[in-house]
Amino acid sequence: MHKPAISLLLVLSLFSTDRVLALDCKTPSSQTDMNMCAASDLERETQKINKTYNALRAKLSPKQQKDLKEVQLAWIKFKDMACKFEASGVEGGSAYSMVLSACLSAKTTQRNKDLDFLLNCPEGDLSCPAN
């Protein structure tokens, strides 16, 4: 009964993926292209932070893992709220998703740097939870 809808979603998702791969994000030619490029950047940064987060988590004790999860959930809430606010000036417009995605991507990039520092901080650094 739901097979046509699922098939349509699969076709649309493949089209979207192919469309992003075919885009030249250095010189996007439309707002739609800019939106798709910003979404692609966000996806790439999300994959990076997930990898760093999981690597850091693996080095921690169970209590530290729980604490890191709580911190990360609070950061995600902050990031989402802050970017929604920062993009509110163009809410309802065609550039909204681009501005929102760019903000989310920038904050994710910075958070990934923070997590990477914790993952690779120098031995003997007493402020490093992973030592």
C-alpha atoms as a PDB file:
ATOM      1  CA  MET A   1       0.000   0.000   0.000  1.00  0.00           C
ATOM      2  CA  HIS A   2       2.867   2.429   0.784  1.00  0.00           C
ATOM      3  CA  LYS A   3       5.225   1.121  -1.896  1.00  0.00           C
ATOM      4  CA  PRO A   4       4.496   3.934  -4.409  1.00  0.00           C
ATOM      5  CA  ALA A   5       5.225   6.575  -1.767  1.00  0.00           C
ATOM      6  CA  ILE A   6       8.428   4.834  -0.696  1.00  0.00           C
ATOM      7  CA  SER A   7       9.511   4.445  -4.311  1.00  0.00           C
ATOM      8  CA  LEU A   8       8.858   8.117  -4.961  1.00  0.00           C
ATOM      9  CA  LEU A   9      10.909   9.100  -1.907  1.00  0.00           C
ATOM     10  CA  LEU A  10      13.776   6.897  -3.050  1.00  0.00           C
ATOM     11  CA  VAL A  11      13.710   8.412  -6.527  1.00  0.00           C
ATOM     12  CA  LEU A  12      13.588  11.946  -5.102  1.00  0.00           C
ATOM     13  CA  SER A  13      16.450  11.244  -2.712  1.00  0.00           C
ATOM     14  CA  LEU A  14      18.549   9.815  -5.538  1.00  0.00           C
ATOM     15  CA  PHE A  15      17.751  12.837  -7.685  1.00  0.00           C
ATOM     16  CA  SER A  16      18.714  15.161  -4.874  1.00  0.00           C
ATOM     17  CA  THR A  17      21.991  13.327  -4.269  1.00  0.00           C
ATOM     18  CA  ASP A  18      22.827  13.330  -7.973  1.00  0.00           C
ATOM     19  CA  ARG A  19      21.863  17.005  -8.185  1.00  0.00           C
ATOM     20  CA  VAL A  20      24.223  17.944  -5.341  1.00  0.00           C
ATOM     21  CA  LEU A  21      27.042  15.882  -6.841  1.00  0.00           C
ATOM     22  CA  ALA A  22      26.549  17.663 -10.175  1.00  0.00           C
ATOM     23  CA  LEU A  23      26.579  21.121  -8.573  1.00  0.00           C
ATOM     24  CA  ASP A  24      29.545  23.402  -8.793  1.00  0.00           C
ATOM     25  CA  CYS A  25      29.386  24.805  -5.294  1.00  0.00           C
ATOM     26  CA  LYS A  26      32.224  27.220  -6.030  1.00  0.00           C
ATOM     27  CA  THR A  27      29.927  29.120  -8.385  1.00  0.00           C
ATOM     28  CA  PRO A  28      26.301  28.168  -7.704  1.00  0.00           C
ATOM     29  CA  SER A  29      23.949  29.628 -10.284  1.00  0.00           C
ATOM     30  CA  SER A  30      20.689  29.894  -8.324  1.00  0.00           C
ATOM     31  CA  GLN A  31      19.330  30.204  -4.814  1.00  0.00           C
ATOM     32  CA  THR A  32      18.307  26.555  -4.988  1.00  0.00           C
ATOM     33  CA  ASP A  33      21.887  25.604  -5.844  1.00  0.00           C
ATOM     34  CA  MET A  34      23.201  27.750  -2.974  1.00  0.00           C
ATOM     35  CA  ASN A  35      20.730  26.094  -0.599  1.00  0.00           C
ATOM     36  CA  MET A  36      21.771  22.626  -1.756  1.00  0.00           C
ATOM     37  CA  CYS A  37      25.467  23.454  -1.458  1.00  0.00           C
ATOM     38  CA  ALA A  38      24.979  24.778   2.077  1.00  0.00           C
ATOM     39  CA  ALA A  39      23.064  21.612   2.998  1.00  0.00           C
ATOM     40  CA  SER A  40      25.856  19.507   1.505  1.00  0.00           C
ATOM     41  CA  ASP A  41      28.463  21.413   3.547  1.00  0.00           C
ATOM     42  CA  LEU A  42      26.424  20.821   6.696  1.00  0.00           C
ATOM     43  CA  GLU A  43      26.168  17.097   5.969  1.00  0.00           C
ATOM     44  CA  ARG A  44      29.936  16.887   5.476  1.00  0.00           C
ATOM     45  CA  GLU A  45      30.624  18.725   8.758  1.00  0.00           C
ATOM     46  CA  THR A  46      28.093  16.536  10.573  1.00  0.00           C
ATOM     47  CA  GLN A  47      29.867  13.403   9.386  1.00  0.00           C
ATOM     48  CA  LYS A  48      33.199  14.822  10.583  1.00  0.00           C
ATOM     49  CA  ILE A  49      31.915  15.724  14.041  1.00  0.00           C
ATOM     50  CA  ASN A  50      30.253  12.324  14.469  1.00  0.00           C
ATOM     51  CA  LYS A  51      33.578  10.632  13.720  1.00  0.00           C
ATOM     52  CA  THR A  52      35.461  12.860  16.176  1.00  0.00           C
ATOM     53  CA  TYR A  53      32.775  12.482  18.858  1.00  0.00           C
ATOM     54  CA  ASN A  54      32.839   8.687  18.600  1.00  0.00           C
ATOM     55  CA  ALA A  55      36.647   8.578  18.723  1.00  0.00           C
ATOM     56  CA  LEU A  56      36.687  10.786  21.820  1.00  0.00           C
ATOM     57  CA  ARG A  57      33.906   8.786  23.453  1.00  0.00           C
ATOM     58  CA  ALA A  58      35.908   5.583  22.974  1.00  0.00           C
ATOM     59  CA  LYS A  59      38.756   7.027  25.067  1.00  0.00           C
ATOM     60  CA  LEU A  60      36.550   7.940  28.024  1.00  0.00           C
ATOM     61  CA  SER A  61      35.316   6.127  31.108  1.00  0.00           C
ATOM     62  CA  PRO A  62      31.597   5.250  31.271  1.00  0.00           C
ATOM     63  CA  LYS A  63      30.915   8.253  33.540  1.00  0.00           C
ATOM     64  CA  GLN A  64      32.813  10.569  31.206  1.00  0.00           C
ATOM     65  CA  GLN A  65      30.908   9.126  28.237  1.00  0.00           C
ATOM     66  CA  LYS A  66      27.639   9.984  29.982  1.00  0.00           C
ATOM     67  CA  ASP A  67      28.884  13.478  30.773  1.00  0.00           C
ATOM     68  CA  LEU A  68      30.074  14.014  27.192  1.00  0.00           C
ATOM     69  CA  LYS A  69      26.684  12.927  25.874  1.00  0.00           C
ATOM     70  CA  GLU A  70      24.931  15.448  28.137  1.00  0.00           C
ATOM     71  CA  VAL A  71      27.306  18.208  27.042  1.00  0.00           C
ATOM     72  CA  GLN A  72      26.854  17.318  23.388  1.00  0.00           C
ATOM     73  CA  LEU A  73      23.050  17.289  23.669  1.00  0.00           C
ATOM     74  CA  ALA A  74      23.164  20.717  25.330  1.00  0.00           C
ATOM     75  CA  TRP A  75      25.484  21.971  22.572  1.00  0.00           C
ATOM     76  CA  ILE A  76      23.130  20.647  19.874  1.00  0.00           C
ATOM     77  CA  LYS A  77      20.214  22.460  21.500  1.00  0.00           C
ATOM     78  CA  PHE A  78      22.264  25.669  21.729  1.00  0.00           C
ATOM     79  CA  LYS A  79      23.473  25.358  18.116  1.00  0.00           C
ATOM     80  CA  ASP A  80      19.969  24.773  16.765  1.00  0.00           C
ATOM     81  CA  MET A  81      18.428  27.641  18.753  1.00  0.00           C
ATOM     82  CA  ALA A  82      21.271  30.071  18.000  1.00  0.00           C
ATOM     83  CA  CYS A  83      21.166  29.357  14.270  1.00  0.00           C
ATOM     84  CA  LYS A  84      17.396  29.593  14.129  1.00  0.00           C
ATOM     85  CA  PHE A  85      17.708  33.024  15.729  1.00  0.00           C
ATOM     86  CA  GLU A  86      20.588  34.077  13.464  1.00  0.00           C
ATOM     87  CA  ALA A  87      18.605  33.054  10.363  1.00  0.00           C
ATOM     88  CA  SER A  88      15.381  34.693  11.571  1.00  0.00           C
ATOM     89  CA  GLY A  89      16.047  37.808   9.512  1.00  0.00           C
ATOM     90  CA  VAL A  90      15.393  35.832   6.318  1.00  0.00           C
ATOM     91  CA  GLU A  91      12.770  33.434   7.711  1.00  0.00           C
ATOM     92  CA  GLY A  92      10.151  32.676   5.100  1.00  0.00           C
ATOM     93  CA  GLY A  93      12.454  33.669   2.259  1.00  0.00           C
ATOM     94  CA  SER A  94      14.250  31.558  -0.300  1.00  0.00           C
ATOM     95  CA  ALA A  95      17.635  32.104   1.378  1.00  0.00           C
ATOM     96  CA  TYR A  96      16.492  30.864   4.805  1.00  0.00           C
ATOM     97  CA  SER A  97      17.690  27.280   4.399  1.00  0.00           C
ATOM     98  CA  MET A  98      21.058  28.479   3.072  1.00  0.00           C
ATOM     99  CA  VAL A  99      21.594  30.895   5.966  1.00  0.00           C
ATOM    100  CA  LEU A 100      20.450  28.305   8.516  1.00  0.00           C
ATOM    101  CA  SER A 101      22.633  25.554   7.029  1.00  0.00           C
ATOM    102  CA  ALA A 102      25.662  27.866   6.839  1.00  0.00           C
ATOM    103  CA  CYS A 103      25.251  28.794  10.498  1.00  0.00           C
ATOM    104  CA  LEU A 104      24.806  25.172  11.559  1.00  0.00           C
ATOM    105  CA  SER A 105      27.828  24.179   9.505  1.00  0.00           C
ATOM    106  CA  ALA A 106      30.028  26.912  10.999  1.00  0.00           C
ATOM    107  CA  LYS A 107      29.039  26.045  14.555  1.00  0.00           C
ATOM    108  CA  THR A 108      29.539  22.325  13.838  1.00  0.00           C
ATOM    109  CA  THR A 109      32.999  23.008  12.400  1.00  0.00           C
ATOM    110  CA  GLN A 110      33.968  24.943  15.529  1.00  0.00           C
ATOM    111  CA  ARG A 111      32.579  22.276  17.862  1.00  0.00           C
ATOM    112  CA  ASN A 112      34.458  19.619  15.926  1.00  0.00           C
ATOM    113  CA  LYS A 113      37.684  21.582  16.522  1.00  0.00           C
ATOM    114  CA  ASP A 114      36.869  21.671  20.238  1.00  0.00           C
ATOM    115  CA  LEU A 115      36.216  17.918  20.357  1.00  0.00           C
ATOM    116  CA  ASP A 116      39.330  17.213  18.288  1.00  0.00           C
ATOM    117  CA  PHE A 117      41.395  19.210  20.787  1.00  0.00           C
ATOM    118  CA  LEU A 118      39.995  17.074  23.617  1.00  0.00           C
ATOM    119  CA  LEU A 119      40.692  13.934  21.616  1.00  0.00           C
ATOM    120  CA  ASN A 120      44.296  14.911  20.873  1.00  0.00           C
ATOM    121  CA  CYS A 121      45.328  17.098  23.784  1.00  0.00           C
ATOM    122  CA  PRO A 122      48.924  16.710  24.941  1.00  0.00           C
ATOM    123  CA  GLU A 123      49.737  14.033  27.461  1.00  0.00           C
ATOM    124  CA  GLY A 124      50.013  15.499  30.925  1.00  0.00           C
ATOM    125  CA  ASP A 125      47.447  18.219  30.267  1.00  0.00           C
ATOM    126  CA  LEU A 126      45.401  18.020  33.467  1.00  0.00           C
ATOM    127  CA  SER A 127      42.411  19.730  31.836  1.00  0.00           C
ATOM    128  CA  CYS A 128      42.116  16.916  29.308  1.00  0.00           C
ATOM    129  CA  PRO A 129      39.438  14.349  30.197  1.00  0.00           C
ATOM    130  CA  ALA A 130      40.801  11.788  27.708  1.00  0.00           C
ATOM    131  CA  ASN A 131      44.210  11.421  29.429  1.00  0.00           C
END
